[in-house]
Amino acid sequence: MTMMRRRHSRGRVPARPARTGRAVLAGFTLALAAVTGALASDSSHVAAPDSMVAPLDTAAALPPAPPDTSGLTSGIVPGPGGEVLPAVLRPFAAGERLKFVVQYGFIKAGNAYLEVPEIKEFEGRPVYTLVARAESNSFFSRFYKVRNRIESFWDTSGRYSVRYTENRREGGHRAHNEIRFDYENQMAVYQDGRTFPIPAMVQDALSSFYYTRTQALPVGGSVFFDYHASRKSQPLEVKVLGRERVETPAGKFECIAIEPVLKAGGIFKNKGRLVIWLTDDERRMPVMMRSKVAIGSISVILVEAKSGA
């Protein structure tokens, strides 16, 4: 099968740096969403940047035109019918650290990280500590400083989330959120004391991505599992689109492309797409994430990779 090589398109530099800095908020929110493999982390507290707010007139009441996503998957080659990549028992280990550059068009806006620092004990059970971070670089921090961190405690044997936390600094806004998953009572317990029902062995906004790395992936088909975020549980579908060769600063990789899909909610509200390229091997390592939304094209590209022990 002939593989295609992804080439990153060059965009136009916005005329006003301050406006770009505000718009980059969506890029860093995307970075966290992308590395978690989900589109609906609890972002209800995040205000839209000025560049995304429409004027209050008749046109503002009309649904905005969806972004052109035709080029997002143009290099992906669908696999033969019936092909299934086998499940992987342990695609990652404690000590894995992946560093990505976040680009808005061709402008480097900052970095994102995926890390598995350690295995620890939580409430009497061994859990992986899963961490996703995103931070603006020195230039964009002058206009809109971003320091976001989300963390998941993921049961090493059951492969489900037991706790999820996020700390966000986005411009002048700061927020902390925490969810504990009480499987004895089948409830998600939020930091304000409110509870919401959950199914057994649910995934959160970060563990969902690591769970997907372990699953059998039917090329041309989908993987489904239970997911909880923003005070509700629902099925998350991950489409397996096909194959593509991807070249990044970290190397050249034969990849399988996936696309997480939620029916509603999330920062895109069904108006954008997110595609993630995983290596077609036992690591299922993410090497690139791309999306096209109303503000433009955003890419999260692997620049450094360290394997776990």
C-alpha atoms as a PDB file:
ATOM      1  CA  MET A   1       0.000   0.000   0.000  1.00  0.00           C
ATOM      2  CA  THR A   2       1.352   3.419  -0.911  1.00  0.00           C
ATOM      3  CA  MET A   3       1.672   5.691   2.091  1.00  0.00           C
ATOM      4  CA  MET A   4       1.118   9.430   1.939  1.00  0.00           C
ATOM      5  CA  ARG A   5       3.415  11.947   3.661  1.00  0.00           C
ATOM      6  CA  ARG A   6       1.729  14.699   5.617  1.00  0.00           C
ATOM      7  CA  ARG A   7       2.864  18.211   4.717  1.00  0.00           C
ATOM      8  CA  HIS A   8       1.817  21.037   7.005  1.00  0.00           C
ATOM      9  CA  SER A   9       0.164  23.905   5.156  1.00  0.00           C
ATOM     10  CA  ARG A  10       1.277  27.464   5.818  1.00  0.00           C
ATOM     11  CA  GLY A  11      -1.273  29.955   7.056  1.00  0.00           C
ATOM     12  CA  ARG A  12      -1.398  33.749   7.189  1.00  0.00           C
ATOM     13  CA  VAL A  13      -0.139  35.730  10.142  1.00  0.00           C
ATOM     14  CA  PRO A  14      -3.016  37.661  11.738  1.00  0.00           C
ATOM     15  CA  ALA A  15      -2.602  41.411  11.518  1.00  0.00           C
ATOM     16  CA  ARG A  16      -2.900  42.098  15.259  1.00  0.00           C
ATOM     17  CA  PRO A  17      -0.654  40.131  17.675  1.00  0.00           C
ATOM     18  CA  ALA A  18      -2.884  40.878  20.675  1.00  0.00           C
ATOM     19  CA  ARG A  19      -5.918  39.509  18.842  1.00  0.00           C
ATOM     20  CA  THR A  20      -3.926  36.409  17.926  1.00  0.00           C
ATOM     21  CA  GLY A  21      -2.895  36.006  21.544  1.00  0.00           C
ATOM     22  CA  ARG A  22      -6.525  35.945  22.671  1.00  0.00           C
ATOM     23  CA  ALA A  23      -7.536  33.579  19.890  1.00  0.00           C
ATOM     24  CA  VAL A  24      -4.764  31.187  20.871  1.00  0.00           C
ATOM     25  CA  LEU A  25      -6.808  30.354  23.997  1.00  0.00           C
ATOM     26  CA  ALA A  26      -8.849  28.048  21.814  1.00  0.00           C
ATOM     27  CA  GLY A  27      -5.649  26.482  20.531  1.00  0.00           C
ATOM     28  CA  PHE A  28      -4.394  25.581  23.975  1.00  0.00           C
ATOM     29  CA  THR A  29      -7.795  24.357  25.054  1.00  0.00           C
ATOM     30  CA  LEU A  30      -7.662  22.209  21.922  1.00  0.00           C
ATOM     31  CA  ALA A  31      -4.192  21.023  22.845  1.00  0.00           C
ATOM     32  CA  LEU A  32      -5.478  19.626  26.113  1.00  0.00           C
ATOM     33  CA  ALA A  33      -8.549  18.191  24.427  1.00  0.00           C
ATOM     34  CA  ALA A  34      -6.437  16.649  21.717  1.00  0.00           C
ATOM     35  CA  VAL A  35      -3.949  14.954  23.973  1.00  0.00           C
ATOM     36  CA  THR A  36      -6.728  13.530  26.087  1.00  0.00           C
ATOM     37  CA  GLY A  37      -8.443  12.144  23.000  1.00  0.00           C
ATOM     38  CA  ALA A  38     -11.780  13.748  23.812  1.00  0.00           C
ATOM     39  CA  LEU A  39     -13.683  16.871  22.871  1.00  0.00           C
ATOM     40  CA  ALA A  40     -15.642  17.557  26.023  1.00  0.00           C
ATOM     41  CA  SER A  41     -13.537  18.244  29.043  1.00  0.00           C
ATOM     42  CA  ASP A  42     -15.334  20.559  31.419  1.00  0.00           C
ATOM     43  CA  SER A  43     -14.744  23.839  29.620  1.00  0.00           C
ATOM     44  CA  SER A  44     -17.950  25.547  30.677  1.00  0.00           C
ATOM     45  CA  HIS A  45     -15.942  27.999  32.761  1.00  0.00           C
ATOM     46  CA  VAL A  46     -13.806  29.183  29.830  1.00  0.00           C
ATOM     47  CA  ALA A  47     -14.896  32.443  28.264  1.00  0.00           C
ATOM     48  CA  ALA A  48     -14.682  32.771  24.489  1.00  0.00           C
ATOM     49  CA  PRO A  49     -11.792  34.975  23.366  1.00  0.00           C
ATOM     50  CA  ASP A  50     -12.773  38.347  21.896  1.00  0.00           C
ATOM     51  CA  SER A  51     -11.930  37.227  18.373  1.00  0.00           C
ATOM     52  CA  MET A  52     -14.601  34.524  18.571  1.00  0.00           C
ATOM     53  CA  VAL A  53     -17.499  36.736  19.768  1.00  0.00           C
ATOM     54  CA  ALA A  54     -19.943  37.764  17.030  1.00  0.00           C
ATOM     55  CA  PRO A  55     -21.581  41.221  17.042  1.00  0.00           C
ATOM     56  CA  LEU A  56     -25.112  41.361  18.441  1.00  0.00           C
ATOM     57  CA  ASP A  57     -27.109  41.661  15.255  1.00  0.00           C
ATOM     58  CA  THR A  58     -29.417  39.507  13.162  1.00  0.00           C
ATOM     59  CA  ALA A  59     -26.546  37.612  11.558  1.00  0.00           C
ATOM     60  CA  ALA A  60     -25.212  36.628  14.982  1.00  0.00           C
ATOM     61  CA  ALA A  61     -28.398  34.673  15.622  1.00  0.00           C
ATOM     62  CA  LEU A  62     -27.786  32.479  12.595  1.00  0.00           C
ATOM     63  CA  PRO A  63     -25.726  29.276  12.926  1.00  0.00           C
ATOM     64  CA  PRO A  64     -22.108  29.942  11.859  1.00  0.00           C
ATOM     65  CA  ALA A  65     -20.817  28.180   8.779  1.00  0.00           C
ATOM     66  CA  PRO A  66     -18.801  25.080   9.716  1.00  0.00           C
ATOM     67  CA  PRO A  67     -15.056  25.269   9.058  1.00  0.00           C
ATOM     68  CA  ASP A  68     -13.693  23.701   5.900  1.00  0.00           C
ATOM     69  CA  THR A  69     -12.192  20.387   7.057  1.00  0.00           C
ATOM     70  CA  SER A  70     -11.680  18.900   3.591  1.00  0.00           C
ATOM     71  CA  GLY A  71      -7.891  18.959   3.845  1.00  0.00           C
ATOM     72  CA  LEU A  72      -7.693  17.508   7.339  1.00  0.00           C
ATOM     73  CA  THR A  73      -7.826  13.868   6.262  1.00  0.00           C
ATOM     74  CA  SER A  74      -6.739  14.171   2.603  1.00  0.00           C
ATOM     75  CA  GLY A  75      -3.569  12.111   3.110  1.00  0.00           C
ATOM     76  CA  ILE A  76      -5.206   9.248   4.996  1.00  0.00           C
ATOM     77  CA  VAL A  77      -5.514   5.994   3.048  1.00  0.00           C
ATOM     78  CA  PRO A  78      -8.445   3.773   4.102  1.00  0.00           C
ATOM     79  CA  GLY A  79      -7.378   0.221   4.918  1.00  0.00           C
ATOM     80  CA  PRO A  80      -8.742  -2.983   3.394  1.00  0.00           C
ATOM     81  CA  GLY A  81     -12.112  -4.127   4.622  1.00  0.00           C
ATOM     82  CA  GLY A  82     -12.041  -6.204   7.777  1.00  0.00           C
ATOM     83  CA  GLU A  83      -8.570  -5.115   8.903  1.00  0.00           C
ATOM     84  CA  VAL A  84      -8.253  -4.838  12.695  1.00  0.00           C
ATOM     85  CA  LEU A  85      -5.176  -3.699  14.583  1.00  0.00           C
ATOM     86  CA  PRO A  86      -4.900  -6.020  17.594  1.00  0.00           C
ATOM     87  CA  ALA A  87      -5.342  -4.817  21.163  1.00  0.00           C
ATOM     88  CA  VAL A  88      -2.161  -3.915  23.031  1.00  0.00           C
ATOM     89  CA  LEU A  89      -1.852  -4.931  26.684  1.00  0.00           C
ATOM     90  CA  ARG A  90       0.671  -2.258  27.731  1.00  0.00           C
ATOM     91  CA  PRO A  91       1.378   0.373  25.054  1.00  0.00           C
ATOM     92  CA  PHE A  92       2.960   2.673  27.644  1.00  0.00           C
ATOM     93  CA  ALA A  93       4.711   2.457  31.010  1.00  0.00           C
ATOM     94  CA  ALA A  94       5.602   4.733  33.888  1.00  0.00           C
ATOM     95  CA  GLY A  95       8.238   7.192  32.736  1.00  0.00           C
ATOM     96  CA  GLU A  96       6.771   7.877  29.290  1.00  0.00           C
ATOM     97  CA  ARG A  97       7.072  11.561  28.361  1.00  0.00           C
ATOM     98  CA  LEU A  98       5.917  13.090  25.083  1.00  0.00           C
ATOM     99  CA  LYS A  99       6.498  16.723  24.158  1.00  0.00           C
ATOM    100  CA  PHE A 100       4.511  18.499  21.431  1.00  0.00           C
ATOM    101  CA  VAL A 101       4.668  21.910  19.816  1.00  0.00           C
ATOM    102  CA  VAL A 102       1.322  23.692  19.451  1.00  0.00           C
ATOM    103  CA  GLN A 103       0.947  25.628  16.199  1.00  0.00           C
ATOM    104  CA  TYR A 104      -1.748  28.093  15.190  1.00  0.00           C
ATOM    105  CA  GLY A 105      -1.385  28.039  11.404  1.00  0.00           C
ATOM    106  CA  PHE A 106       2.401  28.013  11.103  1.00  0.00           C
ATOM    107  CA  ILE A 107       2.954  30.124  14.244  1.00  0.00           C
ATOM    108  CA  LYS A 108       4.479  28.243  17.185  1.00  0.00           C
ATOM    109  CA  ALA A 109       2.353  29.251  20.142  1.00  0.00           C
ATOM    110  CA  GLY A 110       3.626  26.965  22.900  1.00  0.00           C
ATOM    111  CA  ASN A 111       4.035  23.366  24.017  1.00  0.00           C
ATOM    112  CA  ALA A 112       1.886  20.504  25.245  1.00  0.00           C
ATOM    113  CA  TYR A 113       3.029  17.427  27.173  1.00  0.00           C
ATOM    114  CA  LEU A 114       1.710  13.928  27.796  1.00  0.00           C
ATOM    115  CA  GLU A 115       3.367  12.210  30.747  1.00  0.00           C
ATOM    116  CA  VAL A 116       3.044   9.046  32.827  1.00  0.00           C
ATOM    117  CA  PRO A 117       5.220  10.018  35.807  1.00  0.00           C
ATOM    118  CA  GLU A 118       4.629   7.011  38.046  1.00  0.00           C
ATOM    119  CA  ILE A 119       2.502   4.203  39.395  1.00  0.00           C
ATOM    120  CA  LYS A 120       1.232   4.990  42.899  1.00  0.00           C
ATOM    121  CA  GLU A 121      -1.355   3.731  45.359  1.00  0.00           C
ATOM    122  CA  PHE A 122      -4.717   5.479  45.617  1.00  0.00           C
ATOM    123  CA  GLU A 123      -7.441   4.266  47.966  1.00  0.00           C
ATOM    124  CA  GLY A 124      -5.715   0.909  48.262  1.00  0.00           C
ATOM    125  CA  ARG A 125      -5.253   0.218  44.546  1.00  0.00           C
ATOM    126  CA  PRO A 126      -2.324   0.779  42.152  1.00  0.00           C
ATOM    127  CA  VAL A 127      -2.973   3.534  39.615  1.00  0.00           C
ATOM    128  CA  TYR A 128      -1.102   5.145  36.761  1.00  0.00           C
ATOM    129  CA  THR A 129      -0.648   8.885  37.185  1.00  0.00           C
ATOM    130  CA  LEU A 130      -1.530  10.356  33.784  1.00  0.00           C
ATOM    131  CA  VAL A 131      -0.703  14.016  33.144  1.00  0.00           C
ATOM    132  CA  ALA A 132      -1.454  16.395  30.256  1.00  0.00           C
ATOM    133  CA  ARG A 133      -0.049  19.937  30.268  1.00  0.00           C
ATOM    134  CA  ALA A 134      -0.216  22.895  27.903  1.00  0.00           C
ATOM    135  CA  GLU A 135       1.659  26.189  28.214  1.00  0.00           C
ATOM    136  CA  SER A 136       2.053  29.252  26.027  1.00  0.00           C
ATOM    137  CA  ASN A 137       5.538  30.318  24.983  1.00  0.00           C
ATOM    138  CA  SER A 138       7.161  33.555  26.146  1.00  0.00           C
ATOM    139  CA  PHE A 139       5.857  35.576  23.187  1.00  0.00           C
ATOM    140  CA  PHE A 140       2.204  34.601  23.508  1.00  0.00           C
ATOM    141  CA  SER A 141       2.358  34.745  27.302  1.00  0.00           C
ATOM    142  CA  ARG A 142       2.720  38.518  26.981  1.00  0.00           C
ATOM    143  CA  PHE A 143      -0.796  38.671  25.562  1.00  0.00           C
ATOM    144  CA  TYR A 144      -2.517  35.593  26.972  1.00  0.00           C
ATOM    145  CA  LYS A 145      -0.663  33.358  29.408  1.00  0.00           C
ATOM    146  CA  VAL A 146      -1.782  29.733  29.457  1.00  0.00           C
ATOM    147  CA  ARG A 147      -0.715  27.195  32.085  1.00  0.00           C
ATOM    148  CA  ASN A 148      -3.099  24.236  32.018  1.00  0.00           C
ATOM    149  CA  ARG A 149      -2.638  20.868  33.703  1.00  0.00           C
ATOM    150  CA  ILE A 150      -4.978  17.897  33.918  1.00  0.00           C
ATOM    151  CA  GLU A 151      -4.310  14.688  35.790  1.00  0.00           C
ATOM    152  CA  SER A 152      -5.988  11.294  35.975  1.00  0.00           C
ATOM    153  CA  PHE A 153      -5.526   8.361  38.341  1.00  0.00           C
ATOM    154  CA  TRP A 154      -6.138   5.280  36.184  1.00  0.00           C
ATOM    155  CA  ASP A 155      -6.525   1.798  37.648  1.00  0.00           C
ATOM    156  CA  THR A 156      -3.624  -0.316  36.332  1.00  0.00           C
ATOM    157  CA  SER A 157      -5.572  -3.578  36.074  1.00  0.00           C
ATOM    158  CA  GLY A 158      -9.196  -2.493  35.539  1.00  0.00           C
ATOM    159  CA  ARG A 159      -8.298   0.308  33.108  1.00  0.00           C
ATOM    160  CA  TYR A 160     -10.785   2.850  34.409  1.00  0.00           C
ATOM    161  CA  SER A 161     -10.540   6.282  36.003  1.00  0.00           C
ATOM    162  CA  VAL A 162     -10.739   6.732  39.771  1.00  0.00           C
ATOM    163  CA  ARG A 163      -9.972  10.476  39.968  1.00  0.00           C
ATOM    164  CA  TYR A 164      -9.692  13.389  37.554  1.00  0.00           C
ATOM    165  CA  THR A 165      -8.379  16.888  38.308  1.00  0.00           C
ATOM    166  CA  GLU A 166      -7.708  19.973  36.215  1.00  0.00           C
ATOM    167  CA  ASN A 167      -6.005  23.260  36.983  1.00  0.00           C
ATOM    168  CA  ARG A 168      -6.322  25.996  34.394  1.00  0.00           C
ATOM    169  CA  ARG A 169      -4.779  29.424  34.052  1.00  0.00           C
ATOM    170  CA  GLU A 170      -5.974  31.151  30.898  1.00  0.00           C
ATOM    171  CA  GLY A 171      -5.201  34.855  30.816  1.00  0.00           C
ATOM    172  CA  GLY A 172      -6.575  36.288  34.066  1.00  0.00           C
ATOM    173  CA  HIS A 173      -8.857  33.324  34.658  1.00  0.00           C
ATOM    174  CA  ARG A 174      -7.960  30.521  37.066  1.00  0.00           C
ATOM    175  CA  ALA A 175     -10.003  27.405  37.753  1.00  0.00           C
ATOM    176  CA  HIS A 176      -9.690  24.107  39.607  1.00  0.00           C
ATOM    177  CA  ASN A 177     -11.984  21.128  39.093  1.00  0.00           C
ATOM    178  CA  GLU A 178     -11.927  17.649  40.581  1.00  0.00           C
ATOM    179  CA  ILE A 179     -13.999  14.500  40.059  1.00  0.00           C
ATOM    180  CA  ARG A 180     -13.765  11.324  42.143  1.00  0.00           C
ATOM    181  CA  PHE A 181     -15.379   8.193  40.731  1.00  0.00           C
ATOM    182  CA  ASP A 182     -17.195   6.201  43.429  1.00  0.00           C
ATOM    183  CA  TYR A 183     -17.854   2.812  41.871  1.00  0.00           C
ATOM    184  CA  GLU A 184     -19.438   1.337  44.997  1.00  0.00           C
ATOM    185  CA  ASN A 185     -22.294   3.827  44.652  1.00  0.00           C
ATOM    186  CA  GLN A 186     -21.840   4.353  40.889  1.00  0.00           C
ATOM    187  CA  MET A 187     -21.501   8.107  41.241  1.00  0.00           C
ATOM    188  CA  ALA A 188     -19.136  10.811  40.032  1.00  0.00           C
ATOM    189  CA  VAL A 189     -18.477  13.063  43.033  1.00  0.00           C
ATOM    190  CA  TYR A 190     -17.522  16.667  42.206  1.00  0.00           C
ATOM    191  CA  GLN A 191     -15.566  18.994  44.471  1.00  0.00           C
ATOM    192  CA  ASP A 192     -18.702  20.991  45.306  1.00  0.00           C
ATOM    193  CA  GLY A 193     -20.327  17.827  46.665  1.00  0.00           C
ATOM    194  CA  ARG A 194     -22.721  17.253  43.785  1.00  0.00           C
ATOM    195  CA  THR A 195     -22.992  13.715  42.447  1.00  0.00           C
ATOM    196  CA  PHE A 196     -23.945  12.313  39.049  1.00  0.00           C
ATOM    197  CA  PRO A 197     -24.530   8.688  37.990  1.00  0.00           C
ATOM    198  CA  ILE A 198     -21.830   6.776  36.131  1.00  0.00           C
ATOM    199  CA  PRO A 199     -21.620   3.332  34.503  1.00  0.00           C
ATOM    200  CA  ALA A 200     -19.049   0.779  35.594  1.00  0.00           C
ATOM    201  CA  MET A 201     -15.414   1.382  34.563  1.00  0.00           C
ATOM    202  CA  VAL A 202     -15.910   4.838  33.083  1.00  0.00           C
ATOM    203  CA  GLN A 203     -13.189   6.927  31.404  1.00  0.00           C
ATOM    204  CA  ASP A 204     -12.488  10.605  32.005  1.00  0.00           C
ATOM    205  CA  ALA A 205     -11.267  13.292  29.592  1.00  0.00           C
ATOM    206  CA  LEU A 206      -7.638  12.128  29.903  1.00  0.00           C
ATOM    207  CA  SER A 207      -7.871   8.392  30.577  1.00  0.00           C
ATOM    208  CA  SER A 208     -10.086   7.991  27.482  1.00  0.00           C
ATOM    209  CA  PHE A 209      -7.066   8.649  25.296  1.00  0.00           C
ATOM    210  CA  TYR A 210      -4.855   6.109  27.093  1.00  0.00           C
ATOM    211  CA  TYR A 211      -7.691   3.572  27.048  1.00  0.00           C
ATOM    212  CA  THR A 212      -7.982   3.989  23.269  1.00  0.00           C
ATOM    213  CA  ARG A 213      -4.277   3.180  22.906  1.00  0.00           C
ATOM    214  CA  THR A 214      -4.928  -0.285  24.399  1.00  0.00           C
ATOM    215  CA  GLN A 215      -7.918  -1.200  22.234  1.00  0.00           C
ATOM    216  CA  ALA A 216      -8.267  -3.257  19.062  1.00  0.00           C
ATOM    217  CA  LEU A 217      -8.748  -0.734  16.246  1.00  0.00           C
ATOM    218  CA  PRO A 218     -10.974  -1.790  13.310  1.00  0.00           C
ATOM    219  CA  VAL A 219      -9.824   0.212  10.296  1.00  0.00           C
ATOM    220  CA  GLY A 220     -12.863   1.891   8.788  1.00  0.00           C
ATOM    221  CA  GLY A 221     -14.881   1.102  11.915  1.00  0.00           C
ATOM    222  CA  SER A 222     -15.243   2.535  15.405  1.00  0.00           C
ATOM    223  CA  VAL A 223     -14.476   1.853  19.059  1.00  0.00           C
ATOM    224  CA  PHE A 224     -17.062   2.762  21.712  1.00  0.00           C
ATOM    225  CA  PHE A 225     -16.738   3.137  25.478  1.00  0.00           C
ATOM    226  CA  ASP A 226     -18.318   4.998  28.405  1.00  0.00           C
ATOM    227  CA  TYR A 227     -17.034   8.487  29.134  1.00  0.00           C
ATOM    228  CA  HIS A 228     -17.807  11.078  31.819  1.00  0.00           C
ATOM    229  CA  ALA A 229     -17.207  14.833  31.696  1.00  0.00           C
ATOM    230  CA  SER A 230     -19.139  18.043  32.355  1.00  0.00           C
ATOM    231  CA  ARG A 231     -21.483  16.303  34.819  1.00  0.00           C
ATOM    232  CA  LYS A 232     -22.776  13.689  32.429  1.00  0.00           C
ATOM    233  CA  SER A 233     -21.918  10.223  31.170  1.00  0.00           C
ATOM    234  CA  GLN A 234     -22.314   9.191  27.553  1.00  0.00           C
ATOM    235  CA  PRO A 235     -20.796   6.865  24.967  1.00  0.00           C
ATOM    236  CA  LEU A 236     -17.681   8.143  23.225  1.00  0.00           C
ATOM    237  CA  GLU A 237     -17.101   6.958  19.667  1.00  0.00           C
ATOM    238  CA  VAL A 238     -13.567   6.817  18.266  1.00  0.00           C
ATOM    239  CA  LYS A 239     -13.541   6.407  14.484  1.00  0.00           C
ATOM    240  CA  VAL A 240     -10.565   4.569  12.942  1.00  0.00           C
ATOM    241  CA  LEU A 241     -10.049   6.406   9.656  1.00  0.00           C
ATOM    242  CA  GLY A 242      -7.082   4.711   7.970  1.00  0.00           C
ATOM    243  CA  ARG A 243      -3.301   4.861   7.548  1.00  0.00           C
ATOM    244  CA  GLU A 244      -0.800   7.591   6.786  1.00  0.00           C
ATOM    245  CA  ARG A 245       2.949   8.196   7.021  1.00  0.00           C
ATOM    246  CA  VAL A 246       3.638  11.233   9.193  1.00  0.00           C
ATOM    247  CA  GLU A 247       6.896  13.161   9.428  1.00  0.00           C
ATOM    248  CA  THR A 248       7.575  15.215  12.570  1.00  0.00           C
ATOM    249  CA  PRO A 249      10.682  16.652  14.275  1.00  0.00           C
ATOM    250  CA  ALA A 250      10.746  13.454  16.341  1.00  0.00           C
ATOM    251  CA  GLY A 251      10.978  11.226  13.240  1.00  0.00           C
ATOM    252  CA  LYS A 252       8.970   9.509  10.512  1.00  0.00           C
ATOM    253  CA  PHE A 253       6.155   7.201  11.574  1.00  0.00           C
ATOM    254  CA  GLU A 254       3.690   4.805   9.986  1.00  0.00           C
ATOM    255  CA  CYS A 255       0.416   5.793  11.625  1.00  0.00           C
ATOM    256  CA  ILE A 256      -3.214   4.933  12.084  1.00  0.00           C
ATOM    257  CA  ALA A 257      -5.523   7.969  12.187  1.00  0.00           C
ATOM    258  CA  ILE A 258      -8.404   8.151  14.661  1.00  0.00           C
ATOM    259  CA  GLU A 259     -11.147  10.703  15.294  1.00  0.00           C
ATOM    260  CA  PRO A 260     -13.012  11.009  18.628  1.00  0.00           C
ATOM    261  CA  VAL A 261     -16.653  12.007  18.219  1.00  0.00           C
ATOM    262  CA  LEU A 262     -19.205  13.225  20.762  1.00  0.00           C
ATOM    263  CA  LYS A 263     -22.820  13.890  19.902  1.00  0.00           C
ATOM    264  CA  ALA A 264     -22.911  17.198  21.773  1.00  0.00           C
ATOM    265  CA  GLY A 265     -20.915  19.485  24.012  1.00  0.00           C
ATOM    266  CA  GLY A 266     -17.251  20.344  24.089  1.00  0.00           C
ATOM    267  CA  ILE A 267     -15.422  23.397  22.842  1.00  0.00           C
ATOM    268  CA  PHE A 268     -16.269  22.693  19.200  1.00  0.00           C
ATOM    269  CA  LYS A 269     -20.004  22.086  19.663  1.00  0.00           C
ATOM    270  CA  ASN A 270     -20.051  19.825  16.582  1.00  0.00           C
ATOM    271  CA  LYS A 271     -18.567  22.586  14.389  1.00  0.00           C
ATOM    272  CA  GLY A 272     -15.014  21.251  14.170  1.00  0.00           C
ATOM    273  CA  ARG A 273     -13.048  18.037  13.841  1.00  0.00           C
ATOM    274  CA  LEU A 274     -10.113  16.586  15.710  1.00  0.00           C
ATOM    275  CA  VAL A 275      -7.905  13.892  14.140  1.00  0.00           C
ATOM    276  CA  ILE A 276      -5.116  12.087  16.029  1.00  0.00           C
ATOM    277  CA  TRP A 277      -2.330  10.064  14.398  1.00  0.00           C
ATOM    278  CA  LEU A 278      -1.058   7.074  16.445  1.00  0.00           C
ATOM    279  CA  THR A 279       1.934   4.929  15.540  1.00  0.00           C
ATOM    280  CA  ASP A 280       0.998   1.620  13.948  1.00  0.00           C
ATOM    281  CA  ASP A 281       2.967  -0.476  16.440  1.00  0.00           C
ATOM    282  CA  GLU A 282       2.746  -1.723  20.010  1.00  0.00           C
ATOM    283  CA  ARG A 283       3.262   1.764  21.477  1.00  0.00           C
ATOM    284  CA  ARG A 284       0.295   3.428  19.732  1.00  0.00           C
ATOM    285  CA  MET A 285       2.158   6.663  20.414  1.00  0.00           C
ATOM    286  CA  PRO A 286       0.447   9.923  19.372  1.00  0.00           C
ATOM    287  CA  VAL A 287       2.649  11.857  16.953  1.00  0.00           C
ATOM    288  CA  MET A 288       0.263  14.499  15.620  1.00  0.00           C
ATOM    289  CA  MET A 289      -3.148  15.995  16.353  1.00  0.00           C
ATOM    290  CA  ARG A 290      -4.856  18.436  14.011  1.00  0.00           C
ATOM    291  CA  SER A 291      -8.109  20.322  13.976  1.00  0.00           C
ATOM    292  CA  LYS A 292      -9.851  22.963  11.897  1.00  0.00           C
ATOM    293  CA  VAL A 293     -12.279  25.164  13.769  1.00  0.00           C
ATOM    294  CA  ALA A 294     -13.777  28.599  13.215  1.00  0.00           C
ATOM    295  CA  ILE A 295     -10.565  30.405  14.201  1.00  0.00           C
ATOM    296  CA  GLY A 296      -8.344  28.438  11.823  1.00  0.00           C
ATOM    297  CA  SER A 297      -6.061  25.410  11.743  1.00  0.00           C
ATOM    298  CA  ILE A 298      -4.377  24.114  14.903  1.00  0.00           C
ATOM    299  CA  SER A 299      -1.716  21.389  14.994  1.00  0.00           C
ATOM    300  CA  VAL A 300      -0.113  19.593  17.934  1.00  0.00           C
ATOM    301  CA  ILE A 301       3.091  17.921  16.676  1.00  0.00           C
ATOM    302  CA  LEU A 302       5.467  15.538  18.471  1.00  0.00           C
ATOM    303  CA  VAL A 303       8.985  16.925  18.934  1.00  0.00           C
ATOM    304  CA  GLU A 304      10.434  14.667  21.655  1.00  0.00           C
ATOM    305  CA  ALA A 305       9.579  11.183  22.938  1.00  0.00           C
ATOM    306  CA  LYS A 306      10.839   9.225  25.919  1.00  0.00           C
ATOM    307  CA  SER A 307       9.685   5.662  26.522  1.00  0.00           C
ATOM    308  CA  GLY A 308       8.691   4.422  29.948  1.00  0.00           C
ATOM    309  CA  ALA A 309      10.687   1.844  31.881  1.00  0.00           C
END
